[in-house]
Amino acid sequence: MKKKQDDLNNQIKKLENEDYVAKVARSQYYLSEDNEIIFSLPEDNAANEIEKGE
């Protein structure tokens, strides 16, 4: 339970960083800036699954 609480607190700290939020939005929700094209590669999806599992 303590580890889970620490993980949630770390996630909260990350979400306070605008650059991190932008990175998550761009990688998981495919949001882009004007004139930008996003490509999703298989190894990108594997990295996201690993990150979710931590």
N, C-alpha and C. Protein backbone atom coordinates (compact mmCIF):
# COMPACT_ATOMS: atom_id res chain seq x y z
N MET A 1 0.83 -1.18 0.00
CA MET A 1 0.00 0.00 0.00
C MET A 1 0.88 1.26 0.00
N LYS A 2 1.97 1.21 0.77
CA LYS A 2 2.88 2.36 0.84
C LYS A 2 3.51 2.65 -0.53
N LYS A 3 3.93 1.59 -1.24
CA LYS A 3 4.53 1.77 -2.56
C LYS A 3 3.52 2.38 -3.53
N LYS A 4 2.29 1.91 -3.47
CA LYS A 4 1.25 2.44 -4.36
C LYS A 4 1.02 3.93 -4.06
N GLN A 5 1.00 4.30 -2.79
CA GLN A 5 0.83 5.70 -2.41
C GLN A 5 2.00 6.55 -2.92
N ASP A 6 3.21 6.03 -2.79
CA ASP A 6 4.39 6.74 -3.29
C ASP A 6 4.32 6.92 -4.80
N ASP A 7 3.89 5.86 -5.51
CA ASP A 7 3.75 5.94 -6.96
C ASP A 7 2.72 6.99 -7.36
N LEU A 8 1.62 7.04 -6.65
CA LEU A 8 0.59 8.04 -6.94
C LEU A 8 1.09 9.45 -6.66
N ASN A 9 1.83 9.62 -5.58
CA ASN A 9 2.40 10.94 -5.28
C ASN A 9 3.40 11.37 -6.35
N ASN A 10 4.20 10.42 -6.85
CA ASN A 10 5.13 10.74 -7.93
C ASN A 10 4.38 11.13 -9.19
N GLN A 11 3.30 10.44 -9.48
CA GLN A 11 2.49 10.76 -10.66
C GLN A 11 1.89 12.16 -10.54
N ILE A 12 1.45 12.52 -9.35
CA ILE A 12 0.89 13.86 -9.12
C ILE A 12 1.96 14.92 -9.39
N LYS A 13 3.17 14.68 -8.90
CA LYS A 13 4.27 15.63 -9.13
C LYS A 13 4.55 15.78 -10.62
N LYS A 14 4.54 14.66 -11.34
CA LYS A 14 4.77 14.71 -12.79
C LYS A 14 3.69 15.51 -13.49
N LEU A 15 2.44 15.34 -13.06
CA LEU A 15 1.32 16.03 -13.71
C LEU A 15 1.33 17.53 -13.47
N GLU A 16 2.11 17.99 -12.51
CA GLU A 16 2.25 19.42 -12.28
C GLU A 16 3.20 20.06 -13.29
N ASN A 17 3.94 19.24 -14.03
CA ASN A 17 4.89 19.71 -15.03
C ASN A 17 4.19 19.77 -16.39
N GLU A 18 4.09 20.95 -16.97
CA GLU A 18 3.38 21.13 -18.25
C GLU A 18 4.02 20.35 -19.38
N ASP A 19 5.35 20.25 -19.37
CA ASP A 19 6.04 19.49 -20.42
C ASP A 19 5.67 18.01 -20.35
N TYR A 20 5.58 17.47 -19.16
CA TYR A 20 5.21 16.06 -18.99
C TYR A 20 3.77 15.82 -19.47
N VAL A 21 2.87 16.71 -19.10
CA VAL A 21 1.47 16.57 -19.52
C VAL A 21 1.38 16.63 -21.04
N ALA A 22 2.12 17.53 -21.66
CA ALA A 22 2.11 17.63 -23.13
C ALA A 22 2.65 16.35 -23.75
N LYS A 23 3.71 15.79 -23.17
CA LYS A 23 4.29 14.55 -23.69
C LYS A 23 3.28 13.41 -23.61
N VAL A 24 2.59 13.29 -22.49
CA VAL A 24 1.59 12.24 -22.32
C VAL A 24 0.46 12.43 -23.32
N ALA A 25 -0.02 13.64 -23.45
CA ALA A 25 -1.13 13.92 -24.37
C ALA A 25 -0.73 13.59 -25.81
N ARG A 26 0.49 13.92 -26.15
CA ARG A 26 0.95 13.66 -27.52
C ARG A 26 1.17 12.17 -27.76
N SER A 27 1.71 11.44 -26.79
CA SER A 27 2.03 10.04 -27.03
C SER A 27 0.82 9.12 -26.86
N GLN A 28 -0.02 9.38 -25.89
CA GLN A 28 -1.13 8.45 -25.63
C GLN A 28 -2.41 8.85 -26.36
N TYR A 29 -2.59 10.13 -26.60
CA TYR A 29 -3.85 10.58 -27.21
C TYR A 29 -3.65 11.16 -28.60
N TYR A 30 -2.42 11.08 -29.10
CA TYR A 30 -2.08 11.52 -30.45
C TYR A 30 -2.47 12.96 -30.73
N LEU A 31 -2.35 13.81 -29.73
CA LEU A 31 -2.58 15.24 -29.94
C LEU A 31 -1.34 15.84 -30.58
N SER A 32 -1.54 16.75 -31.49
CA SER A 32 -0.40 17.34 -32.20
C SER A 32 -0.53 18.85 -32.26
N GLU A 33 0.59 19.46 -32.58
CA GLU A 33 0.60 20.90 -32.81
C GLU A 33 0.25 21.14 -34.27
N ASP A 34 0.04 22.39 -34.64
CA ASP A 34 -0.26 22.72 -36.03
C ASP A 34 0.87 22.25 -36.94
N ASN A 35 0.50 21.73 -38.09
CA ASN A 35 1.45 21.27 -39.12
C ASN A 35 2.37 20.17 -38.61
N GLU A 36 1.90 19.33 -37.72
CA GLU A 36 2.70 18.24 -37.18
C GLU A 36 1.99 16.93 -37.47
N ILE A 37 2.75 15.92 -37.87
CA ILE A 37 2.21 14.59 -38.13
C ILE A 37 2.80 13.64 -37.09
N ILE A 38 1.95 12.80 -36.51
CA ILE A 38 2.40 11.86 -35.50
C ILE A 38 2.33 10.45 -36.07
N PHE A 39 3.43 9.72 -35.92
CA PHE A 39 3.50 8.34 -36.35
C PHE A 39 3.59 7.46 -35.10
N SER A 40 2.80 6.41 -35.06
CA SER A 40 2.84 5.46 -33.96
C SER A 40 3.54 4.20 -34.43
N LEU A 41 4.67 3.89 -33.81
CA LEU A 41 5.44 2.71 -34.17
C LEU A 41 5.22 1.61 -33.13
N PRO A 42 5.33 0.34 -33.52
CA PRO A 42 5.08 -0.76 -32.58
C PRO A 42 5.92 -0.67 -31.31
N GLU A 43 7.19 -0.28 -31.42
CA GLU A 43 8.02 -0.20 -30.23
C GLU A 43 7.57 0.92 -29.30
N ASP A 44 6.92 1.97 -29.84
CA ASP A 44 6.36 3.02 -29.01
C ASP A 44 5.24 2.45 -28.13
N ASN A 45 4.39 1.62 -28.70
CA ASN A 45 3.30 1.02 -27.94
C ASN A 45 3.83 0.08 -26.86
N ALA A 46 4.90 -0.64 -27.15
CA ALA A 46 5.49 -1.53 -26.16
C ALA A 46 6.03 -0.72 -24.99
N ALA A 47 6.65 0.41 -25.26
CA ALA A 47 7.18 1.27 -24.20
C ALA A 47 6.06 1.80 -23.32
N ASN A 48 4.92 2.14 -23.93
CA ASN A 48 3.78 2.63 -23.15
C ASN A 48 3.25 1.53 -22.24
N GLU A 49 3.20 0.29 -22.72
CA GLU A 49 2.71 -0.81 -21.89
C GLU A 49 3.64 -1.06 -20.71
N ILE A 50 4.94 -0.95 -20.94
CA ILE A 50 5.90 -1.12 -19.85
C ILE A 50 5.72 -0.02 -18.81
N GLU A 51 5.54 1.23 -19.29
CA GLU A 51 5.37 2.36 -18.37
C GLU A 51 4.10 2.18 -17.53
N LYS A 52 3.03 1.70 -18.12
CA LYS A 52 1.78 1.50 -17.40
C LYS A 52 1.92 0.43 -16.32
N GLY A 53 2.77 -0.56 -16.58
CA GLY A 53 2.94 -1.65 -15.66
C GLY A 53 3.76 -1.32 -14.43
N GLU A 54 4.45 -0.20 -14.44
CA GLU A 54 5.29 0.17 -13.29
C GLU A 54 4.51 0.68 -12.14
